[in-house]
């Protein structure tokens, strides 16, 4: 092997070692851990949301399908709220199928949407982008 080839191999080995150490500290650090602050009922609602593939038609925070509306803030909407959510879960609306949810399942989905609604606004017009690229959002309830 030539001297230049050995040098490249050494540099690559050092870079791989630094990358490995960096990843170890990033992924084992307790500095930031996302926590699910959902009640047990809301967790059941989230499971129902996922099992019934609600994402394929509806969005939360603008992520999901586009056939149905974004439901991020449907719970606190002045013309909608829990009664509206219960109604469309009972009978479906336009192209939404009529699901055969039990009263407990509907309550769980409503609780899930209530807790999603508490986390913030969508679209969030009060967001600001810092020079570092970090986005600062406006949250509900001072969070």
N, C-alpha and C. Protein backbone atom coordinates (compact mmCIF):
# COMPACT_ATOMS: atom_id res chain seq x y z
N UNK A 1 0.84 -1.19 0.00
CA UNK A 1 0.00 0.00 0.00
C UNK A 1 0.88 1.24 0.00
N UNK A 2 0.42 2.23 -0.71
CA UNK A 2 1.19 3.47 -0.74
C UNK A 2 0.90 4.29 0.52
N UNK A 3 1.73 5.28 0.75
CA UNK A 3 1.62 6.14 1.93
C UNK A 3 0.30 6.92 1.89
N UNK A 4 -0.13 7.36 0.71
CA UNK A 4 -1.38 8.13 0.56
C UNK A 4 -2.58 7.25 0.87
N UNK A 5 -2.58 6.01 0.41
CA UNK A 5 -3.69 5.09 0.66
C UNK A 5 -3.82 4.82 2.16
N UNK A 6 -2.70 4.61 2.83
CA UNK A 6 -2.73 4.39 4.28
C UNK A 6 -3.29 5.61 5.00
N UNK A 7 -2.93 6.79 4.53
CA UNK A 7 -3.41 8.02 5.14
C UNK A 7 -4.92 8.14 4.98
N UNK A 8 -5.45 7.82 3.78
CA UNK A 8 -6.90 7.87 3.55
C UNK A 8 -7.64 6.88 4.44
N UNK A 9 -7.10 5.68 4.55
CA UNK A 9 -7.72 4.67 5.40
C UNK A 9 -7.72 5.14 6.86
N UNK A 10 -6.61 5.72 7.30
CA UNK A 10 -6.53 6.24 8.67
C UNK A 10 -7.56 7.35 8.91
N UNK A 11 -7.68 8.27 7.97
CA UNK A 11 -8.64 9.38 8.10
C UNK A 11 -10.07 8.84 8.13
N UNK A 12 -10.38 7.91 7.27
CA UNK A 12 -11.73 7.32 7.23
C UNK A 12 -12.01 6.58 8.54
N UNK A 13 -11.03 5.86 9.07
CA UNK A 13 -11.22 5.15 10.34
C UNK A 13 -11.48 6.14 11.48
N UNK A 14 -10.76 7.24 11.51
CA UNK A 14 -10.97 8.27 12.53
C UNK A 14 -12.37 8.87 12.39
N UNK A 15 -12.77 9.19 11.18
CA UNK A 15 -14.10 9.76 10.96
C UNK A 15 -15.20 8.79 11.37
N UNK A 16 -15.05 7.52 11.05
CA UNK A 16 -16.04 6.52 11.46
C UNK A 16 -16.10 6.39 12.98
N UNK A 17 -14.95 6.44 13.63
CA UNK A 17 -14.92 6.36 15.09
C UNK A 17 -15.61 7.58 15.71
N UNK A 18 -15.33 8.76 15.20
CA UNK A 18 -15.98 9.98 15.71
C UNK A 18 -17.49 9.95 15.47
N UNK A 19 -17.88 9.48 14.30
CA UNK A 19 -19.30 9.35 13.98
C UNK A 19 -19.99 8.38 14.95
N UNK A 20 -19.34 7.27 15.24
CA UNK A 20 -19.91 6.28 16.16
C UNK A 20 -20.04 6.85 17.56
N UNK A 21 -19.03 7.54 18.04
CA UNK A 21 -19.08 8.15 19.38
C UNK A 21 -20.18 9.21 19.43
N UNK A 22 -20.25 10.04 18.42
CA UNK A 22 -21.28 11.08 18.34
C UNK A 22 -22.68 10.47 18.40
N UNK A 23 -22.92 9.43 17.59
CA UNK A 23 -24.23 8.78 17.59
C UNK A 23 -24.54 8.12 18.93
N UNK A 24 -23.55 7.54 19.54
CA UNK A 24 -23.77 6.93 20.85
C UNK A 24 -24.29 7.97 21.84
N UNK A 25 -23.64 9.12 21.90
CA UNK A 25 -24.05 10.15 22.85
C UNK A 25 -25.40 10.77 22.49
N UNK A 26 -25.66 10.95 21.22
CA UNK A 26 -26.93 11.54 20.79
C UNK A 26 -28.09 10.61 21.13
N UNK A 27 -27.96 9.34 20.84
CA UNK A 27 -29.08 8.42 20.98
C UNK A 27 -29.20 7.78 22.36
N UNK A 28 -28.23 8.00 23.23
CA UNK A 28 -28.37 7.50 24.59
C UNK A 28 -28.54 8.64 25.59
N UNK A 29 -28.54 9.85 25.11
CA UNK A 29 -28.68 11.02 25.97
C UNK A 29 -30.10 11.14 26.50
N UNK A 30 -30.23 11.59 27.72
CA UNK A 30 -31.54 11.83 28.32
C UNK A 30 -31.95 13.29 28.17
N UNK A 31 -31.19 14.06 27.41
CA UNK A 31 -31.47 15.49 27.26
C UNK A 31 -32.84 15.75 26.68
N UNK A 32 -33.24 14.97 25.70
CA UNK A 32 -34.57 15.14 25.12
C UNK A 32 -35.19 13.78 24.89
N UNK A 33 -36.28 13.58 25.53
CA UNK A 33 -37.02 12.34 25.34
C UNK A 33 -38.46 12.73 25.08
N UNK A 34 -38.95 12.37 23.91
CA UNK A 34 -40.34 12.65 23.59
C UNK A 34 -41.23 11.78 24.46
N UNK A 35 -42.18 12.40 25.11
CA UNK A 35 -43.08 11.64 25.97
C UNK A 35 -44.49 11.77 25.46
N UNK A 36 -45.21 10.70 25.56
CA UNK A 36 -46.62 10.72 25.18
C UNK A 36 -47.41 11.07 26.42
N UNK A 37 -47.99 12.24 26.39
CA UNK A 37 -48.76 12.70 27.54
C UNK A 37 -50.24 12.43 27.32
N UNK A 38 -50.55 11.26 26.79
CA UNK A 38 -51.93 10.92 26.50
C UNK A 38 -52.51 10.11 27.65
N UNK A 39 -53.76 10.37 27.93
CA UNK A 39 -54.47 9.58 28.93
C UNK A 39 -54.69 8.17 28.36
N UNK A 40 -55.00 7.19 29.21
CA UNK A 40 -55.27 5.84 28.68
C UNK A 40 -56.42 5.83 27.66
N UNK A 41 -57.43 6.64 27.89
CA UNK A 41 -58.55 6.71 26.95
C UNK A 41 -58.09 7.29 25.61
N UNK A 42 -57.25 8.33 25.66
CA UNK A 42 -56.74 8.93 24.43
C UNK A 42 -55.81 7.97 23.68
N UNK A 43 -55.06 7.16 24.42
CA UNK A 43 -54.22 6.15 23.78
C UNK A 43 -55.10 5.16 23.02
N UNK A 44 -56.21 4.75 23.62
CA UNK A 44 -57.16 3.87 22.93
C UNK A 44 -57.71 4.56 21.68
N UNK A 45 -58.01 5.86 21.79
CA UNK A 45 -58.48 6.61 20.63
C UNK A 45 -57.44 6.68 19.53
N UNK A 46 -56.18 6.84 19.91
CA UNK A 46 -55.10 6.85 18.92
C UNK A 46 -54.99 5.49 18.25
N UNK A 47 -55.11 4.43 19.02
CA UNK A 47 -55.07 3.08 18.44
C UNK A 47 -56.21 2.88 17.44
N UNK A 48 -57.40 3.35 17.79
CA UNK A 48 -58.54 3.24 16.87
C UNK A 48 -58.30 4.07 15.62
N UNK A 49 -57.74 5.26 15.79
CA UNK A 49 -57.40 6.14 14.67
C UNK A 49 -56.48 5.41 13.70
N UNK A 50 -55.49 4.72 14.25
CA UNK A 50 -54.52 4.02 13.41
C UNK A 50 -55.11 2.74 12.82
N UNK A 51 -55.84 1.97 13.63
CA UNK A 51 -56.42 0.71 13.15
C UNK A 51 -57.41 0.93 12.01
N UNK A 52 -58.15 2.04 12.06
CA UNK A 52 -59.16 2.32 11.04
C UNK A 52 -58.62 3.18 9.92
N UNK A 53 -57.30 3.39 9.93
CA UNK A 53 -56.60 4.09 8.86
C UNK A 53 -57.16 5.49 8.59
N UNK A 54 -57.46 6.21 9.66
CA UNK A 54 -58.00 7.57 9.52
C UNK A 54 -57.00 8.49 8.82
N UNK A 55 -55.70 8.15 8.93
CA UNK A 55 -54.65 8.95 8.28
C UNK A 55 -54.82 8.99 6.78
N UNK A 56 -55.43 7.98 6.21
CA UNK A 56 -55.52 7.95 4.75
C UNK A 56 -56.39 9.07 4.20
N UNK A 57 -57.32 9.57 5.01
CA UNK A 57 -58.20 10.65 4.55
C UNK A 57 -58.01 11.96 5.31
N UNK A 58 -57.68 11.89 6.60
CA UNK A 58 -57.60 13.08 7.45
C UNK A 58 -56.16 13.38 7.83
N UNK A 59 -55.94 14.62 8.19
CA UNK A 59 -54.63 15.06 8.64
C UNK A 59 -54.70 15.48 10.10
N UNK A 60 -53.56 15.39 10.76
CA UNK A 60 -53.29 16.04 12.03
C UNK A 60 -52.03 16.85 11.79
N UNK A 61 -52.06 18.13 12.08
CA UNK A 61 -50.95 19.05 11.81
C UNK A 61 -50.56 19.05 10.34
N UNK A 62 -51.52 18.84 9.46
CA UNK A 62 -51.25 18.88 8.03
C UNK A 62 -50.64 17.61 7.47
N UNK A 63 -50.47 16.59 8.29
CA UNK A 63 -49.88 15.34 7.82
C UNK A 63 -50.96 14.28 7.72
N UNK A 64 -51.08 13.67 6.58
CA UNK A 64 -52.08 12.64 6.37
C UNK A 64 -52.70 12.79 4.99
N UNK A 65 -53.87 12.20 4.81
CA UNK A 65 -54.55 12.26 3.52
C UNK A 65 -55.24 13.59 3.29
N UNK A 66 -55.74 13.76 2.07
CA UNK A 66 -56.35 15.03 1.71
C UNK A 66 -57.81 14.90 1.30
N UNK A 67 -58.40 13.73 1.46
CA UNK A 67 -59.81 13.56 1.14
C UNK A 67 -60.69 14.25 2.18
N UNK A 68 -60.32 14.10 3.45
CA UNK A 68 -61.08 14.72 4.54
C UNK A 68 -60.33 15.92 5.10
N UNK A 69 -60.97 16.65 6.00
CA UNK A 69 -60.34 17.85 6.55
C UNK A 69 -59.27 17.53 7.60
N UNK A 70 -58.45 18.53 7.86
CA UNK A 70 -57.49 18.45 8.95
C UNK A 70 -58.27 18.52 10.26
N UNK A 71 -58.02 17.60 11.17
CA UNK A 71 -58.78 17.52 12.41
C UNK A 71 -57.97 17.96 13.63
N UNK A 72 -56.88 18.67 13.43
CA UNK A 72 -56.04 19.10 14.54
C UNK A 72 -56.83 19.90 15.56
N UNK A 73 -57.62 20.86 15.12
CA UNK A 73 -58.33 21.74 16.04
C UNK A 73 -59.84 21.62 15.92
N UNK A 74 -60.33 20.46 15.50
CA UNK A 74 -61.78 20.28 15.35
C UNK A 74 -62.49 20.33 16.71
N UNK A 75 -61.83 19.90 17.76
CA UNK A 75 -62.46 19.85 19.08
C UNK A 75 -62.78 21.25 19.60
N UNK A 76 -61.88 22.20 19.39
CA UNK A 76 -62.10 23.56 19.92
C UNK A 76 -62.72 24.51 18.90
N UNK A 77 -63.01 24.03 17.72
CA UNK A 77 -63.61 24.88 16.70
C UNK A 77 -64.98 25.34 17.18
N UNK A 78 -65.29 26.64 17.09
CA UNK A 78 -66.56 27.16 17.62
C UNK A 78 -67.81 26.54 17.00
N UNK A 79 -67.74 26.10 15.75
CA UNK A 79 -68.92 25.52 15.09
C UNK A 79 -68.92 23.99 15.13
N UNK A 80 -67.94 23.40 15.79
CA UNK A 80 -67.84 21.94 15.76
C UNK A 80 -67.78 21.40 17.18
N UNK A 81 -66.68 20.88 17.63
CA UNK A 81 -66.55 20.39 18.99
C UNK A 81 -66.93 18.93 19.13
N UNK A 82 -67.05 18.45 20.39
CA UNK A 82 -67.28 17.03 20.63
C UNK A 82 -68.61 16.50 20.08
N UNK A 83 -69.64 17.33 20.07
CA UNK A 83 -70.93 16.88 19.55
C UNK A 83 -70.82 16.63 18.04
N UNK A 84 -70.14 17.51 17.35
CA UNK A 84 -69.92 17.36 15.91
C UNK A 84 -69.11 16.10 15.61
N UNK A 85 -68.03 15.90 16.38
CA UNK A 85 -67.18 14.72 16.18
C UNK A 85 -68.01 13.46 16.38
N UNK A 86 -68.79 13.42 17.45
CA UNK A 86 -69.63 12.26 17.73
C UNK A 86 -70.61 12.02 16.58
N UNK A 87 -71.17 13.09 16.02
CA UNK A 87 -72.14 12.96 14.93
C UNK A 87 -71.50 12.35 13.70
N UNK A 88 -70.31 12.83 13.31
CA UNK A 88 -69.72 12.25 12.10
C UNK A 88 -69.16 10.86 12.35
N UNK A 89 -68.84 10.52 13.61
CA UNK A 89 -68.44 9.15 13.90
C UNK A 89 -69.65 8.21 13.85
N UNK A 90 -70.83 8.74 14.20
CA UNK A 90 -72.06 7.94 14.16
C UNK A 90 -72.50 7.63 12.74
N UNK A 91 -72.51 8.65 11.90
CA UNK A 91 -73.17 8.48 10.60
C UNK A 91 -72.27 8.66 9.40
N UNK A 92 -71.05 9.09 9.60
CA UNK A 92 -70.21 9.38 8.44
C UNK A 92 -70.67 10.68 7.80
N UNK A 93 -69.84 11.26 7.00
CA UNK A 93 -70.17 12.51 6.33
C UNK A 93 -69.65 12.42 4.91
N UNK A 94 -70.48 12.76 3.94
CA UNK A 94 -70.10 12.73 2.52
C UNK A 94 -69.43 11.41 2.17
N UNK A 95 -68.14 11.43 1.90
CA UNK A 95 -67.46 10.20 1.48
C UNK A 95 -66.88 9.41 2.65
N UNK A 96 -67.09 9.88 3.89
CA UNK A 96 -66.61 9.14 5.05
C UNK A 96 -67.54 7.97 5.33
N UNK A 97 -66.98 6.77 5.47
CA UNK A 97 -67.85 5.62 5.74
C UNK A 97 -68.45 5.68 7.14
N UNK A 98 -69.54 4.97 7.31
CA UNK A 98 -70.17 4.87 8.62
C UNK A 98 -69.50 3.72 9.37
N UNK A 99 -68.74 4.08 10.40
CA UNK A 99 -68.08 3.07 11.21
C UNK A 99 -69.05 2.60 12.29
N UNK A 100 -68.87 1.40 12.73
CA UNK A 100 -69.72 0.85 13.78
C UNK A 100 -69.00 0.92 15.13
N UNK A 101 -68.62 2.14 15.53
CA UNK A 101 -67.93 2.32 16.80
C UNK A 101 -68.91 2.20 17.96
N UNK A 102 -68.45 1.61 19.05
CA UNK A 102 -69.25 1.59 20.28
C UNK A 102 -69.16 2.98 20.92
N UNK A 103 -69.98 3.22 21.92
CA UNK A 103 -69.96 4.52 22.60
C UNK A 103 -68.59 4.75 23.27
N UNK A 104 -68.00 3.70 23.83
CA UNK A 104 -66.68 3.82 24.45
C UNK A 104 -65.60 4.14 23.42
N UNK A 105 -65.70 3.53 22.25
CA UNK A 105 -64.73 3.80 21.20
C UNK A 105 -64.86 5.23 20.68
N UNK A 106 -66.09 5.69 20.52
CA UNK A 106 -66.29 7.09 20.07
C UNK A 106 -65.74 8.05 21.12
N UNK A 107 -65.99 7.76 22.40
CA UNK A 107 -65.47 8.61 23.46
C UNK A 107 -63.94 8.63 23.45
N UNK A 108 -63.32 7.50 23.15
CA UNK A 108 -61.86 7.43 23.10
C UNK A 108 -61.32 8.26 21.93
N UNK A 109 -61.95 8.18 20.78
CA UNK A 109 -61.50 8.98 19.62
C UNK A 109 -61.69 10.46 19.91
N UNK A 110 -62.80 10.82 20.52
CA UNK A 110 -63.04 12.23 20.87
C UNK A 110 -61.99 12.71 21.86
N UNK A 111 -61.65 11.88 22.84
CA UNK A 111 -60.62 12.25 23.81
C UNK A 111 -59.27 12.41 23.13
N UNK A 112 -58.96 11.53 22.19
CA UNK A 112 -57.71 11.65 21.44
C UNK A 112 -57.67 12.96 20.67
N UNK A 113 -58.75 13.30 19.98
CA UNK A 113 -58.79 14.56 19.23
C UNK A 113 -58.77 15.77 20.16
N UNK A 114 -59.34 15.64 21.36
CA UNK A 114 -59.26 16.74 22.34
C UNK A 114 -57.82 16.96 22.76
N UNK A 115 -57.10 15.89 23.02
CA UNK A 115 -55.71 16.04 23.46
C UNK A 115 -54.81 16.53 22.33
N UNK A 116 -55.09 16.12 21.11
CA UNK A 116 -54.35 16.65 19.96
C UNK A 116 -54.61 18.14 19.85
N UNK A 117 -55.87 18.53 20.00
CA UNK A 117 -56.26 19.94 19.91
C UNK A 117 -55.54 20.78 20.96
N UNK A 118 -55.32 20.23 22.14
CA UNK A 118 -54.67 20.98 23.22
C UNK A 118 -53.21 21.28 22.94
N UNK A 119 -52.58 20.53 22.05
CA UNK A 119 -51.14 20.66 21.86
C UNK A 119 -50.75 21.88 21.03
N UNK A 120 -51.63 22.39 20.21
CA UNK A 120 -51.24 23.53 19.41
C UNK A 120 -52.25 23.87 18.34
N UNK A 121 -51.79 24.69 17.43
CA UNK A 121 -52.64 25.20 16.35
C UNK A 121 -52.14 24.70 15.01
N UNK A 122 -53.05 24.45 14.11
CA UNK A 122 -52.66 24.18 12.73
C UNK A 122 -53.67 24.85 11.81
N UNK A 123 -53.25 25.62 10.86
CA UNK A 123 -51.86 26.03 10.65
C UNK A 123 -51.42 27.03 11.71
N UNK A 124 -50.15 27.01 12.03
CA UNK A 124 -49.60 27.85 13.08
C UNK A 124 -48.99 29.10 12.45
N UNK A 125 -49.80 30.15 12.36
CA UNK A 125 -49.34 31.38 11.71
C UNK A 125 -48.38 32.19 12.57
N UNK A 126 -48.30 31.86 13.86
CA UNK A 126 -47.42 32.59 14.77
C UNK A 126 -46.06 31.92 14.93
N UNK A 127 -45.73 30.98 14.08
CA UNK A 127 -44.43 30.31 14.16
C UNK A 127 -43.35 31.26 13.65
N UNK A 128 -42.18 31.17 14.24
CA UNK A 128 -41.06 31.97 13.77
C UNK A 128 -39.87 31.06 13.52
N UNK A 129 -39.11 31.39 12.49
CA UNK A 129 -37.94 30.60 12.13
C UNK A 129 -36.71 31.38 12.53
N UNK A 130 -35.89 30.76 13.38
CA UNK A 130 -34.66 31.40 13.84
C UNK A 130 -33.56 31.22 12.80
N UNK A 131 -32.47 31.97 12.94
CA UNK A 131 -31.35 31.88 12.01
C UNK A 131 -30.75 30.48 11.95
N UNK A 132 -30.86 29.74 13.07
CA UNK A 132 -30.31 28.39 13.12
C UNK A 132 -31.18 27.39 12.37
N UNK A 133 -32.38 27.81 11.96
CA UNK A 133 -33.30 26.91 11.30
C UNK A 133 -34.34 26.33 12.24
N UNK A 134 -34.19 26.57 13.55
CA UNK A 134 -35.13 26.07 14.54
C UNK A 134 -36.44 26.84 14.41
N UNK A 135 -37.56 26.13 14.46
CA UNK A 135 -38.86 26.76 14.35
C UNK A 135 -39.47 26.85 15.75
N UNK A 136 -39.86 28.05 16.14
CA UNK A 136 -40.53 28.26 17.42
C UNK A 136 -42.02 28.38 17.16
N UNK A 137 -42.79 27.51 17.80
CA UNK A 137 -44.23 27.45 17.58
C UNK A 137 -45.00 28.09 18.72
N UNK A 138 -46.20 28.49 18.42
CA UNK A 138 -47.11 28.97 19.45
C UNK A 138 -47.94 27.77 19.89
N UNK A 139 -47.89 27.47 21.18
CA UNK A 139 -48.62 26.33 21.71
C UNK A 139 -49.82 26.81 22.51
N UNK A 140 -50.80 25.95 22.63
CA UNK A 140 -51.95 26.24 23.48
C UNK A 140 -51.57 25.99 24.94
N UNK A 141 -52.25 26.62 25.85
CA UNK A 141 -52.07 26.40 27.28
C UNK A 141 -50.63 26.64 27.75
N UNK A 142 -49.91 27.51 27.09
CA UNK A 142 -48.56 27.89 27.51
C UNK A 142 -47.53 26.78 27.39
N UNK A 143 -47.77 25.73 26.67
CA UNK A 143 -46.81 24.64 26.54
C UNK A 143 -45.74 24.96 25.56
